[in-house]
């Protein structure tokens, strides 16, 4: 009987300790949730395998895009008072950067030709922004592609190398460079690869050809915010992809054309200060996933053929180029 009493007393004491612990840790959990709502929770890891900074120097490095043959990555970097276009071999163990353009004006928005031999880019070297082309080897053979009294920017070359799509509109240079939240709705144009036979197909920003050349992705106004849209090269079948009340922009295709990666300042999983992160959406309806959670600005994502995603981020101060393999929530 005494032994039974001792056991009952021990059991009661144990239950009391559990109850006190529950109350204590329950309060701690509530405080953690409260802190998260105040933006004080620990930042979760980005949904990338092998995420690393590949280009960094004391000024800004932005707008990465890998060549179709996968041999080079082009980007824009501020050197002194202006931007120029640079390249590097992504497979080098020690990255060596090669300067492609040299001008006192700003050269940015690099886009590769289909054969990976030329880079198309936006330049402010004339009174208006215009599209130019330069040969990668030797940095020679600079040609102006769009010649008119308009601001032309955001070039992108079709997979077959025959067409170029770009944006045109009255926009300030700093807004195209840093993506400030200034709402403007420029027009979308398609031309032959030499800039001839221009045709307006709609309105929007930063167009990107699909891997099969049948669709063009872009971001455009939907009321007071930007959403991701898709359209045929002839201007038909306009389709809205995202409908969030935040700004979705700078979309890029997955190599197989089934998914879209983009930048968005939507609230996301963790409530931190408003900023742009990298998101992914499946066109077949599998879902949407947040890939980066950093409280600074992540943008201009590009999905290479070898499965790596490049983007720029100012998480370490200036904008730098990062790359990593995305972890997709619904894939096993």
Protein backbone atom coordinates (compact mmCIF):
# COMPACT_ATOMS: atom_id res chain seq x y z
CA UNK A 1 0.00 0.00 0.00
CA UNK A 2 2.84 2.39 0.78
CA UNK A 3 4.49 1.59 -2.52
CA UNK A 4 1.22 2.29 -4.36
CA UNK A 5 0.91 5.64 -2.58
CA UNK A 6 4.43 6.59 -3.57
CA UNK A 7 3.68 5.74 -7.20
CA UNK A 8 0.48 7.78 -7.15
CA UNK A 9 2.35 10.71 -5.60
CA UNK A 10 5.12 10.46 -8.19
CA UNK A 11 2.60 10.32 -11.01
CA UNK A 12 0.79 13.36 -9.67
CA UNK A 13 4.03 15.30 -9.35
CA UNK A 14 5.00 14.33 -12.90
CA UNK A 15 1.66 15.53 -14.29
CA UNK A 16 2.07 18.80 -12.40
CA UNK A 17 5.50 19.36 -13.96
CA UNK A 18 4.10 18.61 -17.44
CA UNK A 19 1.27 21.09 -16.88
CA UNK A 20 3.67 23.82 -15.73
CA UNK A 21 5.95 23.09 -18.69
CA UNK A 22 3.02 23.29 -21.10
CA UNK A 23 1.97 26.65 -19.72
CA UNK A 24 5.53 27.96 -19.84
CA UNK A 25 6.38 26.76 -23.34
CA UNK A 26 2.91 27.64 -24.57
CA UNK A 27 3.56 31.25 -23.55
CA UNK A 28 6.95 31.09 -25.24
CA UNK A 29 5.32 29.82 -28.47
CA UNK A 30 2.76 32.60 -28.37
CA UNK A 31 5.56 35.12 -27.98
CA UNK A 32 7.41 33.61 -30.95
CA UNK A 33 4.31 33.94 -33.14
CA UNK A 34 3.86 37.50 -31.96
CA UNK A 35 7.49 38.29 -32.80
CA UNK A 36 7.07 36.80 -36.27
CA UNK A 37 4.16 39.14 -36.94
CA UNK A 38 6.40 42.02 -35.94
CA UNK A 39 9.02 40.89 -38.45
CA UNK A 40 11.38 39.67 -35.71
CA UNK A 41 11.36 35.93 -36.41
CA UNK A 42 14.55 34.26 -37.67
CA UNK A 43 14.74 34.42 -41.47
CA UNK A 44 14.02 30.95 -42.92
CA UNK A 45 16.53 29.47 -45.38
CA UNK A 46 15.97 30.14 -49.07
CA UNK A 47 14.50 27.24 -51.07
CA UNK A 48 17.67 26.70 -53.08
CA UNK A 49 20.28 23.98 -53.08
CA UNK A 50 23.83 25.25 -53.31
CA UNK A 51 22.86 28.93 -53.25
CA UNK A 52 25.96 31.04 -53.66
CA UNK A 53 27.09 34.49 -54.65
CA UNK A 54 28.92 34.26 -57.97
CA UNK A 55 29.57 37.91 -58.83
CA UNK A 56 30.34 40.60 -56.27
CA UNK A 57 32.22 43.87 -56.37
CA UNK A 58 31.85 47.20 -54.54
CA UNK A 59 29.15 48.46 -56.92
CA UNK A 60 25.95 46.94 -58.38
CA UNK A 61 25.80 43.75 -60.50
CA UNK A 62 22.37 43.11 -62.05
CA UNK A 63 20.23 41.43 -64.75
CA UNK A 64 21.96 38.03 -65.21
CA UNK A 65 21.14 35.92 -68.29
CA UNK A 66 22.84 32.73 -69.44
CA UNK A 67 23.58 32.19 -73.13
CA UNK A 68 21.50 29.55 -74.99
CA UNK A 69 24.54 27.24 -75.27
CA UNK A 70 25.21 27.59 -71.52
CA UNK A 71 28.80 28.74 -72.01
CA UNK A 72 28.52 32.30 -70.68
CA UNK A 73 26.43 34.48 -68.37
CA UNK A 74 25.93 38.15 -69.21
CA UNK A 75 25.02 40.82 -66.67
CA UNK A 76 25.13 44.59 -66.20
CA UNK A 77 27.48 46.15 -63.66
CA UNK A 78 28.07 49.67 -62.51
CA UNK A 79 31.65 50.67 -63.13
CA UNK A 80 32.27 54.22 -62.02
CA UNK A 81 29.27 56.38 -62.87
CA UNK A 82 27.63 54.14 -65.47
CA UNK A 83 26.56 50.58 -66.26
CA UNK A 84 28.28 48.34 -68.81
CA UNK A 85 27.64 44.77 -69.93
CA UNK A 86 29.99 42.02 -68.68
CA UNK A 87 30.25 38.23 -69.15
CA UNK A 88 31.69 35.25 -67.32
CA UNK A 89 32.05 31.49 -67.77
CA UNK A 90 29.77 29.87 -65.14
CA UNK A 91 31.84 26.66 -65.11
CA UNK A 92 35.10 28.26 -64.07
CA UNK A 93 36.20 27.45 -60.53
CA UNK A 94 37.54 30.97 -60.24
CA UNK A 95 35.29 33.41 -62.07
CA UNK A 96 36.96 35.69 -64.60
CA UNK A 97 34.81 38.61 -65.74
CA UNK A 98 35.13 39.98 -69.28
CA UNK A 99 33.83 43.44 -70.17
CA UNK A 100 31.66 43.43 -73.31
CA UNK A 101 30.66 47.11 -73.66
CA UNK A 102 32.62 50.25 -72.86
CA UNK A 103 30.78 53.54 -73.03
CA UNK A 104 30.28 56.67 -70.95
CA UNK A 105 26.51 56.06 -71.10
CA UNK A 106 24.56 53.23 -69.44
CA UNK A 107 24.46 49.80 -71.14
CA UNK A 108 22.23 47.25 -69.39
CA UNK A 109 19.42 44.66 -69.89
CA UNK A 110 21.63 42.11 -71.70
CA UNK A 111 19.90 39.45 -73.84
CA UNK A 112 21.65 36.75 -75.88
CA UNK A 113 21.24 35.98 -79.55
CA UNK A 114 20.03 32.46 -80.37
CA UNK A 115 23.52 31.39 -81.49
CA UNK A 116 25.18 32.81 -78.32
CA UNK A 117 27.52 34.96 -80.41
CA UNK A 118 25.92 38.36 -79.82
CA UNK A 119 24.42 40.29 -76.91
CA UNK A 120 21.50 42.65 -77.36
CA UNK A 121 21.22 45.37 -74.72
CA UNK A 122 19.59 48.65 -73.77
CA UNK A 123 21.71 51.79 -73.97
CA UNK A 124 21.30 55.44 -73.09
CA UNK A 125 24.11 56.51 -75.42
CA UNK A 126 21.61 58.52 -77.53
CA UNK A 127 18.92 61.01 -76.38
CA UNK A 128 16.48 58.08 -76.12
CA UNK A 129 16.93 54.58 -74.78
CA UNK A 130 17.47 52.19 -77.67
CA UNK A 131 18.36 48.56 -78.39
CA UNK A 132 21.88 47.72 -79.52
CA UNK A 133 23.82 44.57 -80.45
CA UNK A 134 27.47 43.69 -79.87
CA UNK A 135 29.59 40.69 -80.78
CA UNK A 136 30.79 38.85 -77.70
CA UNK A 137 34.18 37.88 -79.09
CA UNK A 138 36.41 40.94 -78.96
CA UNK A 139 33.62 43.32 -77.99
CA UNK A 140 33.48 44.75 -81.50
CA UNK A 141 30.82 45.16 -84.14
CA UNK A 142 28.35 47.39 -82.22
CA UNK A 143 25.09 47.99 -84.10
CA UNK A 144 22.02 50.04 -83.23
CA UNK A 145 18.88 47.92 -83.66
CA UNK A 146 16.04 50.34 -82.87
CA UNK A 147 16.37 53.80 -84.40
CA UNK A 148 13.42 56.06 -83.64
CA UNK A 149 12.15 58.86 -81.42
CA UNK A 150 11.14 56.58 -78.53
CA UNK A 151 12.55 54.83 -75.47
CA UNK A 152 13.10 51.16 -76.42
CA UNK A 153 14.41 48.73 -73.78
CA UNK A 154 14.08 45.18 -72.32
CA UNK A 155 15.14 43.26 -75.47
CA UNK A 156 14.65 39.49 -75.79
CA UNK A 157 15.49 37.32 -78.81
CA UNK A 158 13.24 34.50 -80.09
CA UNK A 159 14.59 30.93 -79.82
CA UNK A 160 14.93 30.67 -83.62
CA UNK A 161 16.91 33.91 -83.71
CA UNK A 162 14.61 35.58 -86.25
CA UNK A 163 12.66 38.02 -84.05
CA UNK A 164 13.23 40.38 -81.16
CA UNK A 165 10.61 41.54 -78.65
CA UNK A 166 11.10 44.66 -76.53
CA UNK A 167 9.37 47.34 -74.50
CA UNK A 168 8.85 50.94 -75.52
CA UNK A 169 7.56 53.87 -73.50
CA UNK A 170 8.19 57.10 -71.64
CA UNK A 171 10.14 55.93 -68.60
CA UNK A 172 13.01 57.30 -66.56
CA UNK A 173 16.33 55.49 -66.72
CA UNK A 174 16.53 54.87 -62.95
CA UNK A 175 13.16 53.11 -63.04
CA UNK A 176 14.33 50.63 -65.67
CA UNK A 177 17.60 50.02 -63.82
CA UNK A 178 16.33 49.55 -60.29
CA UNK A 179 12.67 48.71 -60.79
CA UNK A 180 11.35 51.50 -58.57
CA UNK A 181 7.67 51.25 -57.73
CA UNK A 182 6.71 53.81 -60.33
CA UNK A 183 3.69 52.51 -62.22
CA UNK A 184 3.99 52.83 -65.96
CA UNK A 185 2.48 50.81 -68.77
CA UNK A 186 4.74 50.81 -71.84
CA UNK A 187 3.97 49.06 -75.10
CA UNK A 188 5.24 45.69 -76.35
CA UNK A 189 6.79 45.46 -79.80
CA UNK A 190 8.11 42.71 -82.06
CA UNK A 191 10.56 43.28 -84.91
CA UNK A 192 12.80 41.31 -87.21
CA UNK A 193 16.17 40.61 -85.64
CA UNK A 194 17.71 43.63 -87.41
CA UNK A 195 15.03 45.97 -86.03
CA UNK A 196 12.98 46.21 -89.20
CA UNK A 197 9.21 45.64 -89.55
CA UNK A 198 8.23 46.70 -86.03
CA UNK A 199 4.76 45.70 -84.86
CA UNK A 200 3.04 46.59 -81.59
CA UNK A 201 1.44 43.53 -79.95
CA UNK A 202 0.21 44.93 -76.62
CA UNK A 203 1.26 46.68 -73.41
CA UNK A 204 3.63 45.50 -70.71
CA UNK A 205 7.17 45.24 -69.37
CA UNK A 206 10.18 42.93 -69.67
CA UNK A 207 8.92 40.41 -72.29
CA UNK A 208 10.41 36.90 -72.51
CA UNK A 209 9.94 34.32 -75.29
CA UNK A 210 8.87 30.84 -74.26
CA UNK A 211 11.38 28.04 -75.01
CA UNK A 212 9.26 26.90 -77.98
CA UNK A 213 8.76 30.45 -79.28
CA UNK A 214 4.95 30.21 -79.16
CA UNK A 215 4.29 32.54 -76.20
CA UNK A 216 5.65 35.75 -74.71
CA UNK A 217 5.70 36.32 -70.97
CA UNK A 218 5.64 39.82 -69.43
CA UNK A 219 4.41 41.84 -66.47
CA UNK A 220 1.77 44.51 -66.88
CA UNK A 221 -0.70 46.59 -64.94
CA UNK A 222 -3.83 44.96 -63.53
CA UNK A 223 -5.49 47.87 -61.80
CA UNK A 224 -2.99 49.37 -59.36
CA UNK A 225 -0.46 46.53 -59.37
CA UNK A 226 1.68 44.47 -61.74
CA UNK A 227 0.74 40.88 -62.58
CA UNK A 228 2.30 38.28 -64.86
CA UNK A 229 0.68 37.87 -68.29
CA UNK A 230 1.18 35.76 -71.40
CA UNK A 231 0.42 36.54 -75.03
CA UNK A 232 0.95 35.09 -78.51
CA UNK A 233 3.60 36.75 -80.70
CA UNK A 234 0.83 38.06 -82.97
CA UNK A 235 -0.88 39.82 -80.04
CA UNK A 236 -3.71 37.31 -79.57
CA UNK A 237 -4.74 35.13 -76.62
CA UNK A 238 -3.82 37.51 -73.80
CA UNK A 239 -3.83 35.45 -70.58
CA UNK A 240 -3.36 36.61 -66.99
CA UNK A 241 -1.12 34.24 -64.97
CA UNK A 242 -1.02 35.83 -61.48
CA UNK A 243 -3.79 37.73 -59.69
CA UNK A 244 -2.18 38.74 -56.39
CA UNK A 245 -2.80 42.29 -55.13
CA UNK A 246 0.97 42.80 -54.73
CA UNK A 247 3.42 43.48 -57.59
CA UNK A 248 4.56 40.45 -59.61
CA UNK A 249 7.24 41.22 -62.20
CA UNK A 250 10.38 40.15 -64.11
CA UNK A 251 9.09 36.70 -65.04
CA UNK A 252 11.23 34.02 -66.67
CA UNK A 253 10.46 30.56 -68.08
CA UNK A 254 11.68 27.22 -66.81
CA UNK A 255 13.76 25.37 -69.45
CA UNK A 256 10.82 23.08 -70.34
CA UNK A 257 8.27 25.92 -70.39
CA UNK A 258 6.02 24.38 -67.71
CA UNK A 259 6.87 26.77 -64.86
CA UNK A 260 7.47 30.47 -64.36
CA UNK A 261 9.84 32.13 -61.94
CA UNK A 262 9.29 35.78 -61.00
CA UNK A 263 9.87 38.51 -58.41
CA UNK A 264 7.05 39.56 -56.10
CA UNK A 265 6.55 41.75 -53.04
CA UNK A 266 3.50 39.74 -51.92
CA UNK A 267 3.36 39.05 -48.18
CA UNK A 268 4.44 35.43 -48.37
CA UNK A 269 4.87 32.94 -45.56
CA UNK A 270 6.73 35.16 -43.12
CA UNK A 271 5.68 38.72 -42.39
CA UNK A 272 8.75 40.89 -42.79
CA UNK A 273 9.14 44.36 -44.19
CA UNK A 274 7.75 44.75 -47.74
CA UNK A 275 10.34 43.59 -50.26
CA UNK A 276 10.74 41.56 -53.44
CA UNK A 277 11.44 37.83 -53.21
CA UNK A 278 11.71 35.12 -55.86
CA UNK A 279 8.59 32.98 -56.42
CA UNK A 280 7.67 30.10 -58.69
CA UNK A 281 4.35 29.12 -60.24
CA UNK A 282 3.44 25.94 -62.10
CA UNK A 283 1.44 26.49 -65.30
CA UNK A 284 -0.13 23.03 -64.96
CA UNK A 285 -1.71 24.03 -61.65
CA UNK A 286 0.53 22.17 -59.19
CA UNK A 287 0.97 25.27 -57.06
CA UNK A 288 3.02 28.31 -56.15
CA UNK A 289 6.08 28.34 -53.91
CA UNK A 290 8.25 31.03 -52.38
CA UNK A 291 11.94 30.49 -53.12
CA UNK A 292 13.66 33.33 -51.25
CA UNK A 293 12.81 34.84 -47.87
CA UNK A 294 15.47 37.51 -47.46
CA UNK A 295 14.25 40.90 -46.15
CA UNK A 296 16.21 42.73 -48.87
CA UNK A 297 15.47 42.93 -52.61
CA UNK A 298 15.77 39.84 -54.84
CA UNK A 299 14.94 40.27 -58.52
CA UNK A 300 15.54 39.62 -62.24
CA UNK A 301 15.51 35.80 -61.98
CA UNK A 302 16.69 33.75 -64.97
CA UNK A 303 16.30 29.97 -65.20
CA UNK A 304 19.16 28.39 -67.16
CA UNK A 305 18.97 25.21 -69.24
CA UNK A 306 21.12 23.33 -66.71
CA UNK A 307 18.52 23.96 -63.97
CA UNK A 308 20.21 26.79 -62.10
CA UNK A 309 18.41 30.03 -61.32
CA UNK A 310 20.39 33.27 -61.45
CA UNK A 311 19.10 36.45 -59.80
CA UNK A 312 20.39 39.70 -58.36
CA UNK A 313 20.04 40.70 -54.71
CA UNK A 314 21.20 43.51 -52.45
CA UNK A 315 21.10 41.29 -49.33
CA UNK A 316 24.78 42.05 -48.69
CA UNK A 317 24.63 45.77 -49.42
CA UNK A 318 25.07 46.38 -53.14
CA UNK A 319 23.33 44.25 -55.77
CA UNK A 320 25.24 41.03 -56.49
CA UNK A 321 24.60 37.98 -58.71
CA UNK A 322 23.50 34.75 -56.99
CA UNK A 323 22.77 31.29 -58.34
CA UNK A 324 21.27 28.07 -57.00
CA UNK A 325 19.07 25.08 -57.80
CA UNK A 326 15.42 25.73 -56.81
CA UNK A 327 13.72 23.38 -54.37
CA UNK A 328 10.20 22.91 -55.68
CA UNK A 329 7.70 22.10 -52.92
CA UNK A 330 5.47 19.70 -54.88
CA UNK A 331 8.26 17.72 -56.52
CA UNK A 332 9.38 14.44 -54.90
